[in-house]
Amino acid sequence: MKAIRVGTRGSRLAIAQTEIALAALRKANPSVRFEVVTISTKGDVDKRPLFTMDEKGIFEKEVNEAVKKGQVDFAVHSLKDIPSDLSDDLVVACIPKRASPNDVLVNDKGRKLEELASGSKVGTSSLRRAVQLMKLRPDLNVKPIRGNVETRVKKVISGEYDAVVLAEAGLTRIGMKDVIVERFGVREFVPAPGQGAIAIVCRKDDKSLIDMLRQIEDSRSRAEVMAERALIKKVEGGCRFPLGAVAVTNKDKMTLYASVFSADGEQNIKVKKIGSAASPEKLGTKVADMLVKEGAMEMAEGWRRAVEEWNNRL
């Protein structure tokens, strides 16, 4: 029997996420054989800070191109790596049960954020995390950090950084949750839209494959990330504009929390809205409208200018 080819990045986390999805698919389809194909992306090769790259999809473009060309049948991604304007030929066919969306603090001294010494060097790969860290502890030395999850943890153990902030889901999936010192609440430290969720992408016209992938879909996870992605699509969030958003479902109601900061960290727009869990995109769009009304687009422009100035100094 011909194997179904599965595209993924080659990082330890990407492989682990792919295996999580495949374990569920194998359980539902024991007679199907899957073959994992690793693909290098621009984000794996280019080690500049993420916010300096004025480009979408640096961790998924090449993988999804392989899906479009038929080199692989479907791809497994971190959902937050997928731009909201996915190619018309492709579809997010399945979102399995989401893991924790929370951010966490990692260091080898067991010190929580409030216990870190003034001037401690804290690494983060995202503007969203950096600006929230600086808001909570303006006396810290927050610096960009690149590399896969385990590389960033090693940079703390080696003393290059005093601490790093990472996604809890990534550490858990690669068996490194023991390095977590503090878990930030999603309301106080708002995560990236889609954080903790896995997305399986395939060609839109491959109906039989879509049917198979939908067997491991989690409807609650799908609804929550749809709300978050509807929000970023309207506000144009991305690596160069720190926008945090997380949806939380309780029975038939969904609460969407969103937060954006100005480039100087002085202004912070926070929005919370409750809507129907059956209409997640409507809720996401409403929250986006609220953010825009309160000045989010002016903040986005301020960030664009700040990043351009940063790039000119590199």
Protein backbone atom coordinates (compact mmCIF):
# COMPACT_ATOMS: atom_id res chain seq x y z
CA MET A 1 0.00 0.00 0.00
CA LYS A 2 1.30 3.44 -0.93
CA ALA A 3 2.24 5.58 2.09
CA ILE A 4 0.67 8.97 2.79
CA ARG A 5 3.52 11.51 2.83
CA VAL A 6 3.56 14.00 5.67
CA GLY A 7 5.56 17.24 5.41
CA THR A 8 7.12 18.93 8.42
CA ARG A 9 10.08 21.05 9.47
CA GLY A 10 12.98 19.04 10.82
CA SER A 11 13.20 20.57 14.31
CA ARG A 12 12.70 18.35 17.33
CA LEU A 13 9.47 20.19 18.19
CA ALA A 14 8.09 19.98 14.64
CA ILE A 15 8.79 16.24 14.52
CA ALA A 16 7.22 15.75 17.97
CA GLN A 17 4.07 17.63 16.88
CA THR A 18 3.88 15.56 13.71
CA GLU A 19 4.15 12.35 15.74
CA ILE A 20 1.36 13.53 18.07
CA ALA A 21 -0.92 14.03 15.05
CA LEU A 22 0.14 10.75 13.44
CA ALA A 23 -0.42 8.74 16.64
CA ALA A 24 -4.05 9.89 16.64
CA LEU A 25 -4.43 9.23 12.90
CA ARG A 26 -2.90 5.74 13.19
CA LYS A 27 -5.30 4.90 16.01
CA ALA A 28 -8.26 5.91 13.83
CA ASN A 29 -6.77 4.35 10.66
CA PRO A 30 -4.60 1.34 11.68
CA SER A 31 -4.20 0.08 8.11
CA VAL A 32 -2.82 3.38 6.74
CA ARG A 33 0.94 3.88 6.44
CA PHE A 34 2.46 7.34 6.89
CA GLU A 35 5.88 8.54 5.74
CA VAL A 36 7.39 11.68 7.33
CA VAL A 37 9.25 14.04 4.97
CA THR A 38 11.33 16.82 6.60
CA ILE A 39 11.62 20.14 4.75
CA SER A 40 13.89 23.10 5.55
CA THR A 41 12.27 26.56 5.68
CA LYS A 42 13.65 30.09 5.53
CA GLY A 43 13.03 30.46 9.25
CA ASP A 44 15.31 27.47 9.91
CA VAL A 45 18.15 29.00 7.90
CA ASP A 46 17.85 32.75 8.56
CA LYS A 47 18.82 33.40 12.18
CA ARG A 48 17.99 37.12 12.37
CA PRO A 49 15.49 38.20 15.06
CA LEU A 50 12.01 37.31 13.80
CA PHE A 51 10.64 40.85 14.04
CA THR A 52 13.30 42.14 11.61
CA MET A 53 11.94 39.96 8.78
CA ASP A 54 9.18 41.74 6.88
CA GLU A 55 7.77 38.48 5.62
CA LYS A 56 4.92 36.11 6.41
CA GLY A 57 5.13 32.35 6.74
CA ILE A 58 8.90 31.98 7.19
CA PHE A 59 8.35 28.67 9.02
CA GLU A 60 5.70 27.21 6.73
CA LYS A 61 6.07 28.51 3.15
CA GLU A 62 8.36 25.78 1.79
CA VAL A 63 6.42 23.02 3.55
CA ASN A 64 3.08 24.21 2.17
CA GLU A 65 4.61 24.62 -1.30
CA ALA A 66 5.48 20.92 -1.15
CA VAL A 67 1.81 20.19 -0.35
CA LYS A 68 0.62 22.34 -3.28
CA LYS A 69 3.02 20.59 -5.68
CA GLY A 70 1.98 17.13 -4.51
CA GLN A 71 5.42 16.30 -3.10
CA VAL A 72 3.71 15.57 0.22
CA ASP A 73 0.04 14.86 0.92
CA PHE A 74 -0.38 17.02 4.01
CA ALA A 75 1.69 19.11 6.41
CA VAL A 76 1.75 19.50 10.18
CA HIS A 77 2.48 22.97 11.59
CA SER A 78 2.33 25.05 14.72
CA LEU A 79 -0.86 26.97 13.95
CA LYS A 80 0.66 30.30 14.96
CA ASP A 81 3.23 29.92 12.13
CA ILE A 82 0.49 29.89 9.47
CA PRO A 83 -0.46 33.32 8.03
CA SER A 84 -4.16 34.18 8.17
CA ASP A 85 -4.16 34.49 4.35
CA LEU A 86 -3.38 30.86 3.49
CA SER A 87 -3.12 29.98 -0.24
CA ASP A 88 -6.47 29.41 -1.98
CA ASP A 89 -5.31 25.91 -2.99
CA LEU A 90 -4.85 24.84 0.63
CA VAL A 91 -7.04 24.39 3.68
CA VAL A 92 -6.45 23.93 7.41
CA ALA A 93 -8.19 20.57 7.31
CA CYS A 94 -7.77 19.66 10.95
CA ILE A 95 -6.96 21.19 14.33
CA PRO A 96 -6.40 18.47 16.94
CA LYS A 97 -6.96 19.14 20.65
CA ARG A 98 -5.01 22.23 21.62
CA ALA A 99 -2.33 22.12 24.32
CA SER A 100 -1.78 24.90 26.86
CA PRO A 101 -1.57 28.34 25.18
CA ASN A 102 0.39 29.81 28.12
CA ASP A 103 3.86 31.33 28.06
CA VAL A 104 6.36 30.20 30.69
CA LEU A 105 9.59 31.40 32.28
CA VAL A 106 12.64 29.12 32.12
CA ASN A 107 15.87 29.42 34.09
CA ASP A 108 18.20 27.08 35.94
CA LYS A 109 18.09 28.94 39.29
CA GLY A 110 14.41 28.35 40.02
CA ARG A 111 13.70 32.09 40.08
CA LYS A 112 10.30 33.48 39.17
CA LEU A 113 10.03 36.70 37.14
CA GLU A 114 9.72 38.90 40.23
CA GLU A 115 12.79 37.18 41.76
CA LEU A 116 15.20 37.79 38.85
CA ALA A 117 17.97 40.23 39.70
CA SER A 118 17.75 43.72 38.19
CA GLY A 119 19.61 43.78 34.86
CA SER A 120 19.15 40.04 34.26
CA LYS A 121 19.40 39.12 30.56
CA VAL A 122 16.11 37.55 29.47
CA GLY A 123 15.74 36.10 25.96
CA THR A 124 12.61 36.00 23.85
CA SER A 125 11.91 35.38 20.17
CA SER A 126 8.85 37.64 20.00
CA LEU A 127 8.04 41.33 20.32
CA ARG A 128 4.81 40.42 22.11
CA ARG A 129 6.69 38.63 24.89
CA ALA A 130 9.42 41.29 25.01
CA VAL A 131 7.04 44.21 25.50
CA GLN A 132 5.02 42.36 28.17
CA LEU A 133 8.23 41.45 30.01
CA MET A 134 9.40 45.07 29.92
CA LYS A 135 6.03 46.23 31.18
CA LEU A 136 6.20 43.84 34.15
CA ARG A 137 9.94 44.28 34.84
CA PRO A 138 11.34 47.40 33.14
CA ASP A 139 14.65 46.85 34.96
CA LEU A 140 15.41 43.63 33.06
CA ASN A 141 17.68 43.42 30.00
CA VAL A 142 15.32 41.85 27.44
CA LYS A 143 17.19 40.58 24.37
CA PRO A 144 16.25 38.76 21.12
CA ILE A 145 17.08 35.05 21.02
CA ARG A 146 16.86 32.60 18.12
CA GLY A 147 17.28 28.86 17.75
CA ASN A 148 14.97 25.93 18.41
CA VAL A 149 13.44 25.35 21.84
CA GLU A 150 16.23 23.17 23.21
CA THR A 151 18.92 25.57 21.90
CA ARG A 152 17.27 28.46 23.75
CA VAL A 153 17.14 26.43 26.97
CA LYS A 154 20.84 25.51 26.57
CA LYS A 155 21.69 29.23 26.26
CA VAL A 156 20.27 29.68 29.77
CA ILE A 157 22.10 26.67 31.21
CA SER A 158 25.39 27.90 29.67
CA GLY A 159 24.92 31.33 31.25
CA GLU A 160 24.51 33.24 27.97
CA TYR A 161 21.05 34.30 29.21
CA ASP A 162 19.69 34.41 32.76
CA ALA A 163 16.23 33.28 31.63
CA VAL A 164 14.04 32.80 28.56
CA VAL A 165 10.31 32.97 27.92
CA LEU A 166 8.87 30.16 25.79
CA ALA A 167 5.54 28.53 24.97
CA GLU A 168 4.57 25.88 27.51
CA ALA A 169 3.19 23.60 24.78
CA GLY A 170 6.52 23.36 22.96
CA LEU A 171 8.48 22.41 26.08
CA THR A 172 5.86 19.82 27.07
CA ARG A 173 5.80 18.23 23.62
CA ILE A 174 9.55 17.62 23.58
CA GLY A 175 9.63 16.35 27.16
CA MET A 176 11.30 19.41 28.72
CA LYS A 177 8.56 20.74 31.00
CA ASP A 178 10.79 20.17 34.05
CA VAL A 179 12.75 23.37 33.16
CA ILE A 180 9.65 25.55 33.65
CA VAL A 181 9.93 27.84 36.68
CA GLU A 182 6.78 29.94 36.26
CA ARG A 183 3.63 29.68 34.20
CA PHE A 184 2.10 33.02 33.22
CA GLY A 185 -1.67 33.43 33.28
CA VAL A 186 -3.20 34.12 29.85
CA ARG A 187 -4.94 37.28 31.08
CA GLU A 188 -1.83 38.86 32.63
CA PHE A 189 0.59 37.69 29.92
CA VAL A 190 -1.49 37.32 26.76
CA PRO A 191 -0.20 34.60 24.39
CA ALA A 192 0.12 34.66 20.61
CA PRO A 193 -3.05 33.89 18.65
CA GLY A 194 -3.14 30.14 17.98
CA GLN A 195 -0.39 29.33 20.49
CA GLY A 196 -0.49 25.70 21.62
CA ALA A 197 -2.50 24.55 18.59
CA ILE A 198 -1.38 22.20 15.83
CA ALA A 199 -2.71 22.72 12.30
CA ILE A 200 -2.83 20.10 9.57
CA VAL A 201 -2.84 21.57 6.06
CA CYS A 202 -3.71 19.75 2.83
CA ARG A 203 -4.96 20.55 -0.67
CA LYS A 204 -8.50 21.86 -0.74
CA ASP A 205 -9.54 19.44 -3.49
CA ASP A 206 -8.37 16.29 -1.64
CA LYS A 207 -11.77 15.47 -0.16
CA SER A 208 -10.99 11.91 0.97
CA LEU A 209 -7.87 13.05 2.84
CA ILE A 210 -9.78 15.92 4.45
CA ASP A 211 -12.39 13.40 5.67
CA MET A 212 -9.65 11.26 7.21
CA LEU A 213 -7.94 14.23 8.89
CA ARG A 214 -11.23 15.48 10.33
CA GLN A 215 -11.43 12.28 12.38
CA ILE A 216 -8.96 13.79 14.87
CA GLU A 217 -10.41 17.32 14.85
CA ASP A 218 -11.24 18.99 18.17
CA SER A 219 -14.21 21.31 17.61
CA ARG A 220 -13.56 23.46 20.69
CA SER A 221 -9.92 24.05 19.69
CA ARG A 222 -11.03 24.90 16.15
CA ALA A 223 -13.57 27.44 17.38
CA GLU A 224 -11.12 29.16 19.74
CA VAL A 225 -8.38 29.56 17.14
CA MET A 226 -10.91 30.72 14.53
CA ALA A 227 -11.83 33.60 16.85
CA GLU A 228 -8.17 34.47 17.40
CA ARG A 229 -7.30 34.27 13.70
CA ALA A 230 -10.32 36.37 12.66
CA LEU A 231 -8.96 39.01 15.02
CA ILE A 232 -5.42 39.04 13.60
CA LYS A 233 -6.68 38.95 10.03
CA LYS A 234 -8.51 42.23 10.60
CA VAL A 235 -5.81 43.92 12.69
CA GLU A 236 -2.93 42.45 10.65
CA GLY A 237 -1.00 41.13 13.63
CA GLY A 238 2.33 39.44 13.05
CA CYS A 239 5.93 39.15 14.19
CA ARG A 240 6.37 42.90 13.67
CA PHE A 241 3.32 43.97 15.67
CA PRO A 242 2.96 42.48 19.16
CA LEU A 243 -0.66 41.43 19.46
CA GLY A 244 -1.74 38.91 22.06
CA ALA A 245 -5.07 37.11 21.88
CA VAL A 246 -6.61 34.05 23.47
CA ALA A 247 -10.14 32.64 23.39
CA VAL A 248 -11.56 30.63 26.28
CA THR A 249 -14.73 28.56 25.86
CA ASN A 250 -17.20 27.86 28.66
CA LYS A 251 -20.15 25.76 27.49
CA ASP A 252 -21.90 27.78 24.75
CA LYS A 253 -20.06 31.03 25.51
CA MET A 254 -16.63 32.16 24.37
CA THR A 255 -14.54 34.93 25.92
CA LEU A 256 -11.86 36.54 23.75
CA TYR A 257 -9.06 38.47 25.45
CA ALA A 258 -6.79 40.69 23.35
CA SER A 259 -3.93 43.02 24.14
CA VAL A 260 -1.73 45.36 22.06
CA PHE A 261 1.11 47.65 23.13
CA SER A 262 2.68 50.79 21.73
CA ALA A 263 6.32 50.63 20.60
CA ASP A 264 7.50 52.56 23.67
CA GLY A 265 5.52 50.24 25.97
CA GLU A 266 3.67 53.20 27.47
CA GLN A 267 0.25 52.44 26.00
CA ASN A 268 -1.65 49.18 26.29
CA ILE A 269 -5.08 48.51 24.82
CA LYS A 270 -6.82 45.57 26.50
CA VAL A 271 -10.13 44.20 25.27
CA LYS A 272 -12.34 41.42 26.63
CA LYS A 273 -15.57 40.39 24.96
CA ILE A 274 -17.97 37.48 25.46
CA GLY A 275 -19.82 35.99 22.50
CA SER A 276 -21.38 32.81 21.22
CA ALA A 277 -19.04 29.82 20.87
CA ALA A 278 -21.01 28.97 17.72
CA SER A 279 -19.89 32.23 16.03
CA PRO A 280 -16.15 32.50 16.78
CA GLU A 281 -15.20 34.53 13.70
CA LYS A 282 -17.92 37.08 14.46
CA LEU A 283 -16.49 37.47 17.97
CA GLY A 284 -12.94 37.84 16.60
CA THR A 285 -14.03 40.52 14.15
CA LYS A 286 -15.90 42.43 16.87
CA VAL A 287 -12.83 42.45 19.13
CA ALA A 288 -10.68 43.58 16.17
CA ASP A 289 -13.11 46.47 15.57
CA MET A 290 -12.85 47.43 19.26
CA LEU A 291 -9.04 47.43 19.09
CA VAL A 292 -9.05 49.52 15.90
CA LYS A 293 -11.49 51.99 17.46
CA GLU A 294 -9.19 52.42 20.45
CA GLY A 295 -6.11 53.11 18.29
CA ALA A 296 -4.51 49.75 17.48
CA MET A 297 -3.66 50.69 13.88
CA GLU A 298 -1.79 53.80 15.04
CA MET A 299 0.17 51.54 17.38
CA ALA A 300 0.93 49.18 14.49
CA GLU A 301 2.31 52.09 12.46
CA GLY A 302 4.49 53.11 15.40
CA TRP A 303 5.89 49.57 15.56
CA ARG A 304 6.62 49.56 11.81
CA ARG A 305 8.65 52.75 12.18
CA ALA A 306 10.48 51.42 15.26
CA VAL A 307 11.43 48.16 13.52
CA GLU A 308 12.63 50.00 10.40
CA GLU A 309 14.89 52.13 12.59
CA TRP A 310 16.18 48.96 14.29
CA ASN A 311 16.87 47.33 10.91
CA ASN A 312 18.82 50.38 9.78
CA ARG A 313 21.11 49.96 12.78
CA LEU A 314 21.77 46.25 12.13
